[in-house]
Amino acid sequence: MKRAMRASEFLEQLAKDPEYQERARKRRAHLEARSAEWRRAQKPLLEDLAEVGYPISDVWDDLVPRSESYPEAIPVLVSHLVSRAYPSRVMEGIARALAVPESKPYFSQILDVFKDSHTKDVRDGTAAALRVLADSNTVPDLIRIIEDPAYGQDRLMFLDAAYKYGGAYGKRLVRSLIKDPELGEEARHILRGVLTSVIAGSLVGGGEGRRRRR
């Protein structure tokens, strides 16, 4: 029986394969060129952010993962997002940087960009922001999107907000989607999480009750 190749042996084999190495070199060169293009495209945004006290070099590297708040940067980010003047990857980074509570006053502007966009990067970024910013006042806008099949799988991120903030109607909506070919998996995931929480809560409550009776 032939011995299975170890991972280290496979990597060593690839290191000696000139065709693979050439393909890898071309991929790296392509990614480096795209990254340079995205950095150049961000220049107007970075200049405006520096003026309000945020001298960063890349919105993806310096704002998206940032744990500290940056309230003065929010209006600048929104202004550049709604300008729609950037490559889709940069637009996604701007939108994801707006997935913070301070962006709540700009929910409708971010929603408009989501609706107008037809690229996956921008839809993903704006959906991530809208999901964070949703509340009982704004969730009807997201429910209308969920109910519109034209948005396809771009509606996935909104199901959790619909269940959480949409009252009885939002809960019924999510339950009605468990067999939907595009949204069913996410709907089932949400409902399993709810059921798990209920069971865990009943177990904790039952244990406390038994302890009190003792």
C-alpha atoms as a PDB file:
ATOM      1  CA  MET A   1       0.000   0.000   0.000  1.00  0.00           C
ATOM      2  CA  LYS A   2       1.382   3.393  -1.012  1.00  0.00           C
ATOM      3  CA  ARG A   3       2.242   5.687   1.890  1.00  0.00           C
ATOM      4  CA  ALA A   4       0.281   8.945   1.998  1.00  0.00           C
ATOM      5  CA  MET A   5       2.376  12.026   1.282  1.00  0.00           C
ATOM      6  CA  ARG A   6       3.067  14.222   4.285  1.00  0.00           C
ATOM      7  CA  ALA A   7       2.225  17.930   4.111  1.00  0.00           C
ATOM      8  CA  SER A   8       5.901  18.836   4.420  1.00  0.00           C
ATOM      9  CA  GLU A   9       6.744  16.550   1.501  1.00  0.00           C
ATOM     10  CA  PHE A  10       3.993  18.061  -0.625  1.00  0.00           C
ATOM     11  CA  LEU A  11       5.227  21.586   0.086  1.00  0.00           C
ATOM     12  CA  GLU A  12       8.782  20.546  -0.738  1.00  0.00           C
ATOM     13  CA  GLN A  13       7.547  19.116  -4.023  1.00  0.00           C
ATOM     14  CA  LEU A  14       5.767  22.376  -4.867  1.00  0.00           C
ATOM     15  CA  ALA A  15       8.923  24.338  -4.024  1.00  0.00           C
ATOM     16  CA  LYS A  16      10.765  22.354  -6.704  1.00  0.00           C
ATOM     17  CA  ASP A  17       7.987  22.671  -9.308  1.00  0.00           C
ATOM     18  CA  PRO A  18       8.938  25.536 -11.686  1.00  0.00           C
ATOM     19  CA  GLU A  19       5.452  25.787 -13.219  1.00  0.00           C
ATOM     20  CA  TYR A  20       3.816  26.095  -9.813  1.00  0.00           C
ATOM     21  CA  GLN A  21       6.391  28.647  -8.684  1.00  0.00           C
ATOM     22  CA  GLU A  22       5.787  30.742 -11.809  1.00  0.00           C
ATOM     23  CA  ARG A  23       2.015  30.693 -11.233  1.00  0.00           C
ATOM     24  CA  ALA A  24       2.559  31.662  -7.590  1.00  0.00           C
ATOM     25  CA  ARG A  25       4.862  34.508  -8.635  1.00  0.00           C
ATOM     26  CA  LYS A  26       2.249  35.852 -11.059  1.00  0.00           C
ATOM     27  CA  ARG A  27      -0.464  35.650  -8.385  1.00  0.00           C
ATOM     28  CA  ARG A  28       1.709  37.575  -5.929  1.00  0.00           C
ATOM     29  CA  ALA A  29       2.515  40.206  -8.547  1.00  0.00           C
ATOM     30  CA  HIS A  30      -1.176  40.574  -9.397  1.00  0.00           C
ATOM     31  CA  LEU A  31      -2.165  40.973  -5.732  1.00  0.00           C
ATOM     32  CA  GLU A  32       0.623  43.472  -5.104  1.00  0.00           C
ATOM     33  CA  ALA A  33      -0.479  45.516  -8.129  1.00  0.00           C
ATOM     34  CA  ARG A  34      -4.096  45.501  -6.971  1.00  0.00           C
ATOM     35  CA  SER A  35      -3.085  46.485  -3.437  1.00  0.00           C
ATOM     36  CA  ALA A  36      -1.020  49.385  -4.795  1.00  0.00           C
ATOM     37  CA  GLU A  37      -3.983  50.473  -6.928  1.00  0.00           C
ATOM     38  CA  TRP A  38      -6.299  50.411  -3.898  1.00  0.00           C
ATOM     39  CA  ARG A  39      -3.813  52.424  -1.813  1.00  0.00           C
ATOM     40  CA  ARG A  40      -3.537  55.066  -4.553  1.00  0.00           C
ATOM     41  CA  ALA A  41      -7.313  55.224  -4.885  1.00  0.00           C
ATOM     42  CA  GLN A  42      -7.706  55.931  -1.165  1.00  0.00           C
ATOM     43  CA  LYS A  43      -5.605  59.103  -1.277  1.00  0.00           C
ATOM     44  CA  PRO A  44      -8.520  61.621  -1.161  1.00  0.00           C
ATOM     45  CA  LEU A  45     -10.122  59.712   1.708  1.00  0.00           C
ATOM     46  CA  LEU A  46      -6.868  59.458   3.668  1.00  0.00           C
ATOM     47  CA  GLU A  47      -6.189  63.172   3.238  1.00  0.00           C
ATOM     48  CA  ASP A  48      -9.622  64.069   4.612  1.00  0.00           C
ATOM     49  CA  LEU A  49      -9.258  61.641   7.517  1.00  0.00           C
ATOM     50  CA  ALA A  50      -5.877  63.153   8.405  1.00  0.00           C
ATOM     51  CA  GLU A  51      -7.506  66.598   8.558  1.00  0.00           C
ATOM     52  CA  VAL A  52      -9.871  65.423  11.313  1.00  0.00           C
ATOM     53  CA  GLY A  53      -7.115  63.744  13.313  1.00  0.00           C
ATOM     54  CA  TYR A  54      -6.822  60.260  11.829  1.00  0.00           C
ATOM     55  CA  PRO A  55      -3.585  60.022   9.811  1.00  0.00           C
ATOM     56  CA  ILE A  56      -3.893  56.428   8.612  1.00  0.00           C
ATOM     57  CA  SER A  57      -2.350  54.633   5.659  1.00  0.00           C
ATOM     58  CA  ASP A  58      -5.134  52.184   4.754  1.00  0.00           C
ATOM     59  CA  VAL A  59      -8.792  52.005   5.759  1.00  0.00           C
ATOM     60  CA  TRP A  60      -8.728  48.188   5.852  1.00  0.00           C
ATOM     61  CA  ASP A  61      -5.597  47.948   7.982  1.00  0.00           C
ATOM     62  CA  ASP A  62      -6.144  50.909  10.291  1.00  0.00           C
ATOM     63  CA  LEU A  63      -9.899  51.380  10.792  1.00  0.00           C
ATOM     64  CA  VAL A  64     -11.753  48.134  10.087  1.00  0.00           C
ATOM     65  CA  PRO A  65      -9.987  46.209  12.887  1.00  0.00           C
ATOM     66  CA  ARG A  66      -9.698  49.227  15.214  1.00  0.00           C
ATOM     67  CA  SER A  67     -11.072  48.749  18.728  1.00  0.00           C
ATOM     68  CA  GLU A  68     -11.041  52.440  19.718  1.00  0.00           C
ATOM     69  CA  SER A  69     -13.881  54.687  18.566  1.00  0.00           C
ATOM     70  CA  TYR A  70     -13.314  57.330  15.892  1.00  0.00           C
ATOM     71  CA  PRO A  71     -16.419  59.558  15.944  1.00  0.00           C
ATOM     72  CA  GLU A  72     -14.829  62.487  14.067  1.00  0.00           C
ATOM     73  CA  ALA A  73     -13.993  60.163  11.184  1.00  0.00           C
ATOM     74  CA  ILE A  74     -17.562  58.916  10.694  1.00  0.00           C
ATOM     75  CA  PRO A  75     -18.918  61.885   8.660  1.00  0.00           C
ATOM     76  CA  VAL A  76     -15.808  61.771   6.474  1.00  0.00           C
ATOM     77  CA  LEU A  77     -16.234  58.060   5.824  1.00  0.00           C
ATOM     78  CA  VAL A  78     -19.922  58.502   5.013  1.00  0.00           C
ATOM     79  CA  SER A  79     -19.162  61.357   2.626  1.00  0.00           C
ATOM     80  CA  HIS A  80     -16.657  59.260   0.720  1.00  0.00           C
ATOM     81  CA  LEU A  81     -18.890  56.181   0.760  1.00  0.00           C
ATOM     82  CA  VAL A  82     -21.848  57.995  -0.787  1.00  0.00           C
ATOM     83  CA  SER A  83     -19.567  59.531  -3.416  1.00  0.00           C
ATOM     84  CA  ARG A  84     -19.194  56.002  -4.856  1.00  0.00           C
ATOM     85  CA  ALA A  85     -15.878  57.189  -6.312  1.00  0.00           C
ATOM     86  CA  TYR A  86     -13.694  54.254  -5.303  1.00  0.00           C
ATOM     87  CA  PRO A  87     -12.927  50.684  -6.422  1.00  0.00           C
ATOM     88  CA  SER A  88     -15.343  48.194  -4.905  1.00  0.00           C
ATOM     89  CA  ARG A  89     -12.737  46.770  -2.525  1.00  0.00           C
ATOM     90  CA  VAL A  90     -12.042  50.241  -1.086  1.00  0.00           C
ATOM     91  CA  MET A  91     -15.777  50.929  -0.862  1.00  0.00           C
ATOM     92  CA  GLU A  92     -16.190  47.728   1.119  1.00  0.00           C
ATOM     93  CA  GLY A  93     -13.466  48.817   3.534  1.00  0.00           C
ATOM     94  CA  ILE A  94     -15.095  52.217   4.034  1.00  0.00           C
ATOM     95  CA  ALA A  95     -18.470  50.575   4.669  1.00  0.00           C
ATOM     96  CA  ARG A  96     -17.041  48.071   7.141  1.00  0.00           C
ATOM     97  CA  ALA A  97     -15.328  50.917   8.992  1.00  0.00           C
ATOM     98  CA  LEU A  98     -18.839  52.343   9.467  1.00  0.00           C
ATOM     99  CA  ALA A  99     -20.044  49.214  11.284  1.00  0.00           C
ATOM    100  CA  VAL A 100     -19.837  51.040  14.623  1.00  0.00           C
ATOM    101  CA  PRO A 101     -22.601  52.557  16.805  1.00  0.00           C
ATOM    102  CA  GLU A 102     -21.513  56.138  16.007  1.00  0.00           C
ATOM    103  CA  SER A 103     -22.729  55.588  12.423  1.00  0.00           C
ATOM    104  CA  LYS A 104     -26.395  55.167  13.410  1.00  0.00           C
ATOM    105  CA  PRO A 105     -27.426  58.673  12.208  1.00  0.00           C
ATOM    106  CA  TYR A 106     -26.214  57.686   8.720  1.00  0.00           C
ATOM    107  CA  PHE A 107     -28.216  54.475   8.402  1.00  0.00           C
ATOM    108  CA  SER A 108     -30.299  55.721   5.462  1.00  0.00           C
ATOM    109  CA  GLN A 109     -27.258  56.878   3.460  1.00  0.00           C
ATOM    110  CA  ILE A 110     -25.541  53.520   3.936  1.00  0.00           C
ATOM    111  CA  LEU A 111     -28.782  51.760   2.998  1.00  0.00           C
ATOM    112  CA  ASP A 112     -28.968  53.762  -0.242  1.00  0.00           C
ATOM    113  CA  VAL A 113     -25.454  52.655  -1.182  1.00  0.00           C
ATOM    114  CA  PHE A 114     -26.408  49.045  -0.458  1.00  0.00           C
ATOM    115  CA  LYS A 115     -29.476  49.290  -2.695  1.00  0.00           C
ATOM    116  CA  ASP A 116     -27.669  51.054  -5.540  1.00  0.00           C
ATOM    117  CA  SER A 117     -24.672  48.726  -5.622  1.00  0.00           C
ATOM    118  CA  HIS A 118     -24.460  45.590  -7.722  1.00  0.00           C
ATOM    119  CA  THR A 119     -21.003  44.418  -6.654  1.00  0.00           C
ATOM    120  CA  LYS A 120     -20.483  41.771  -3.986  1.00  0.00           C
ATOM    121  CA  ASP A 121     -17.752  43.725  -2.169  1.00  0.00           C
ATOM    122  CA  VAL A 122     -19.896  46.827  -1.670  1.00  0.00           C
ATOM    123  CA  ARG A 123     -23.017  44.858  -0.818  1.00  0.00           C
ATOM    124  CA  ASP A 124     -21.099  42.805   1.763  1.00  0.00           C
ATOM    125  CA  GLY A 125     -19.546  45.877   3.364  1.00  0.00           C
ATOM    126  CA  THR A 126     -22.714  47.937   3.562  1.00  0.00           C
ATOM    127  CA  ALA A 127     -24.737  44.930   4.780  1.00  0.00           C
ATOM    128  CA  ALA A 128     -22.214  44.390   7.569  1.00  0.00           C
ATOM    129  CA  ALA A 129     -22.637  48.010   8.644  1.00  0.00           C
ATOM    130  CA  LEU A 130     -26.431  47.980   8.417  1.00  0.00           C
ATOM    131  CA  ARG A 131     -26.608  44.810  10.481  1.00  0.00           C
ATOM    132  CA  VAL A 132     -24.696  46.513  13.304  1.00  0.00           C
ATOM    133  CA  LEU A 133     -26.701  49.742  13.078  1.00  0.00           C
ATOM    134  CA  ALA A 134     -30.168  48.186  12.895  1.00  0.00           C
ATOM    135  CA  ASP A 135     -32.704  48.808  15.650  1.00  0.00           C
ATOM    136  CA  SER A 136     -36.469  48.747  16.033  1.00  0.00           C
ATOM    137  CA  ASN A 137     -36.798  52.028  14.130  1.00  0.00           C
ATOM    138  CA  THR A 138     -34.760  51.020  11.084  1.00  0.00           C
ATOM    139  CA  VAL A 139     -35.451  47.275  10.858  1.00  0.00           C
ATOM    140  CA  PRO A 140     -38.566  47.767   8.654  1.00  0.00           C
ATOM    141  CA  ASP A 141     -36.197  48.897   5.872  1.00  0.00           C
ATOM    142  CA  LEU A 142     -34.232  45.671   6.230  1.00  0.00           C
ATOM    143  CA  ILE A 143     -37.395  43.570   6.351  1.00  0.00           C
ATOM    144  CA  ARG A 144     -38.491  45.067   3.025  1.00  0.00           C
ATOM    145  CA  ILE A 145     -35.157  43.993   1.552  1.00  0.00           C
ATOM    146  CA  ILE A 146     -35.503  40.487   3.001  1.00  0.00           C
ATOM    147  CA  GLU A 147     -38.919  40.206   1.370  1.00  0.00           C
ATOM    148  CA  ASP A 148     -37.541  41.220  -2.032  1.00  0.00           C
ATOM    149  CA  PRO A 149     -36.021  38.155  -3.756  1.00  0.00           C
ATOM    150  CA  ALA A 150     -34.210  40.427  -6.215  1.00  0.00           C
ATOM    151  CA  TYR A 151     -31.561  40.968  -3.538  1.00  0.00           C
ATOM    152  CA  GLY A 152     -30.787  37.248  -3.421  1.00  0.00           C
ATOM    153  CA  GLN A 153     -28.242  36.139  -0.837  1.00  0.00           C
ATOM    154  CA  ASP A 154     -27.316  39.742  -0.100  1.00  0.00           C
ATOM    155  CA  ARG A 155     -30.243  39.611   2.365  1.00  0.00           C
ATOM    156  CA  LEU A 156     -28.566  37.021   4.603  1.00  0.00           C
ATOM    157  CA  MET A 157     -27.003  39.455   7.077  1.00  0.00           C
ATOM    158  CA  PHE A 158     -30.359  41.065   7.811  1.00  0.00           C
ATOM    159  CA  LEU A 159     -32.213  38.010   9.106  1.00  0.00           C
ATOM    160  CA  ASP A 160     -30.725  38.266  12.573  1.00  0.00           C
ATOM    161  CA  ALA A 161     -31.770  41.925  12.865  1.00  0.00           C
ATOM    162  CA  ALA A 162     -35.287  41.072  11.660  1.00  0.00           C
ATOM    163  CA  TYR A 163     -35.659  38.403  14.334  1.00  0.00           C
ATOM    164  CA  LYS A 164     -34.116  40.573  17.055  1.00  0.00           C
ATOM    165  CA  TYR A 165     -35.814  43.909  16.350  1.00  0.00           C
ATOM    166  CA  GLY A 166     -38.765  43.103  14.082  1.00  0.00           C
ATOM    167  CA  GLY A 167     -41.205  42.026  16.794  1.00  0.00           C
ATOM    168  CA  ALA A 168     -43.677  39.226  16.118  1.00  0.00           C
ATOM    169  CA  TYR A 169     -43.667  39.929  12.378  1.00  0.00           C
ATOM    170  CA  GLY A 170     -39.879  39.672  12.136  1.00  0.00           C
ATOM    171  CA  LYS A 171     -39.882  36.364  14.027  1.00  0.00           C
ATOM    172  CA  ARG A 172     -42.614  34.946  11.779  1.00  0.00           C
ATOM    173  CA  LEU A 173     -40.696  36.096   8.721  1.00  0.00           C
ATOM    174  CA  VAL A 174     -37.514  34.309   9.758  1.00  0.00           C
ATOM    175  CA  ARG A 175     -39.455  31.145  10.614  1.00  0.00           C
ATOM    176  CA  SER A 176     -41.150  31.259   7.208  1.00  0.00           C
ATOM    177  CA  LEU A 177     -37.764  31.185   5.465  1.00  0.00           C
ATOM    178  CA  ILE A 178     -36.394  27.929   6.906  1.00  0.00           C
ATOM    179  CA  LYS A 179     -36.933  26.148   3.562  1.00  0.00           C
ATOM    180  CA  ASP A 180     -35.925  29.062   1.365  1.00  0.00           C
ATOM    181  CA  PRO A 181     -33.155  27.953  -1.046  1.00  0.00           C
ATOM    182  CA  GLU A 182     -31.139  31.133  -0.470  1.00  0.00           C
ATOM    183  CA  LEU A 183     -31.945  32.118   3.114  1.00  0.00           C
ATOM    184  CA  GLY A 184     -33.009  28.843   4.703  1.00  0.00           C
ATOM    185  CA  GLU A 185     -29.649  27.854   6.165  1.00  0.00           C
ATOM    186  CA  GLU A 186     -29.224  31.193   7.931  1.00  0.00           C
ATOM    187  CA  ALA A 187     -32.837  31.157   9.158  1.00  0.00           C
ATOM    188  CA  ARG A 188     -32.343  27.674  10.631  1.00  0.00           C
ATOM    189  CA  HIS A 189     -29.065  28.770  12.229  1.00  0.00           C
ATOM    190  CA  ILE A 190     -30.805  31.701  13.949  1.00  0.00           C
ATOM    191  CA  LEU A 191     -33.666  29.534  15.193  1.00  0.00           C
ATOM    192  CA  ARG A 192     -31.284  26.862  16.493  1.00  0.00           C
ATOM    193  CA  GLY A 193     -29.452  29.571  18.434  1.00  0.00           C
ATOM    194  CA  VAL A 194     -32.710  30.806  19.932  1.00  0.00           C
ATOM    195  CA  LEU A 195     -33.744  27.271  20.906  1.00  0.00           C
ATOM    196  CA  THR A 196     -30.344  26.603  22.490  1.00  0.00           C
ATOM    197  CA  SER A 197     -30.631  29.804  24.552  1.00  0.00           C
ATOM    198  CA  VAL A 198     -34.139  28.886  25.704  1.00  0.00           C
ATOM    199  CA  ILE A 199     -33.060  25.391  26.743  1.00  0.00           C
ATOM    200  CA  ALA A 200     -29.980  26.720  28.539  1.00  0.00           C
ATOM    201  CA  GLY A 201     -32.101  29.304  30.349  1.00  0.00           C
ATOM    202  CA  SER A 202     -34.655  26.714  31.451  1.00  0.00           C
ATOM    203  CA  LEU A 203     -31.919  24.454  32.753  1.00  0.00           C
ATOM    204  CA  VAL A 204     -30.354  27.276  34.734  1.00  0.00           C
ATOM    205  CA  GLY A 205     -33.732  28.391  36.044  1.00  0.00           C
ATOM    206  CA  GLY A 206     -34.675  24.825  36.958  1.00  0.00           C
ATOM    207  CA  GLY A 207     -31.437  24.328  38.842  1.00  0.00           C
ATOM    208  CA  GLU A 208     -31.941  27.522  40.819  1.00  0.00           C
ATOM    209  CA  GLY A 209     -35.501  26.490  41.635  1.00  0.00           C
ATOM    210  CA  ARG A 210     -34.391  23.108  42.935  1.00  0.00           C
ATOM    211  CA  ARG A 211     -31.712  24.762  45.075  1.00  0.00           C
ATOM    212  CA  ARG A 212     -34.289  27.152  46.577  1.00  0.00           C
ATOM    213  CA  ARG A 213     -36.658  24.264  47.387  1.00  0.00           C
ATOM    214  CA  ARG A 214     -33.852  22.507  49.239  1.00  0.00           C
END
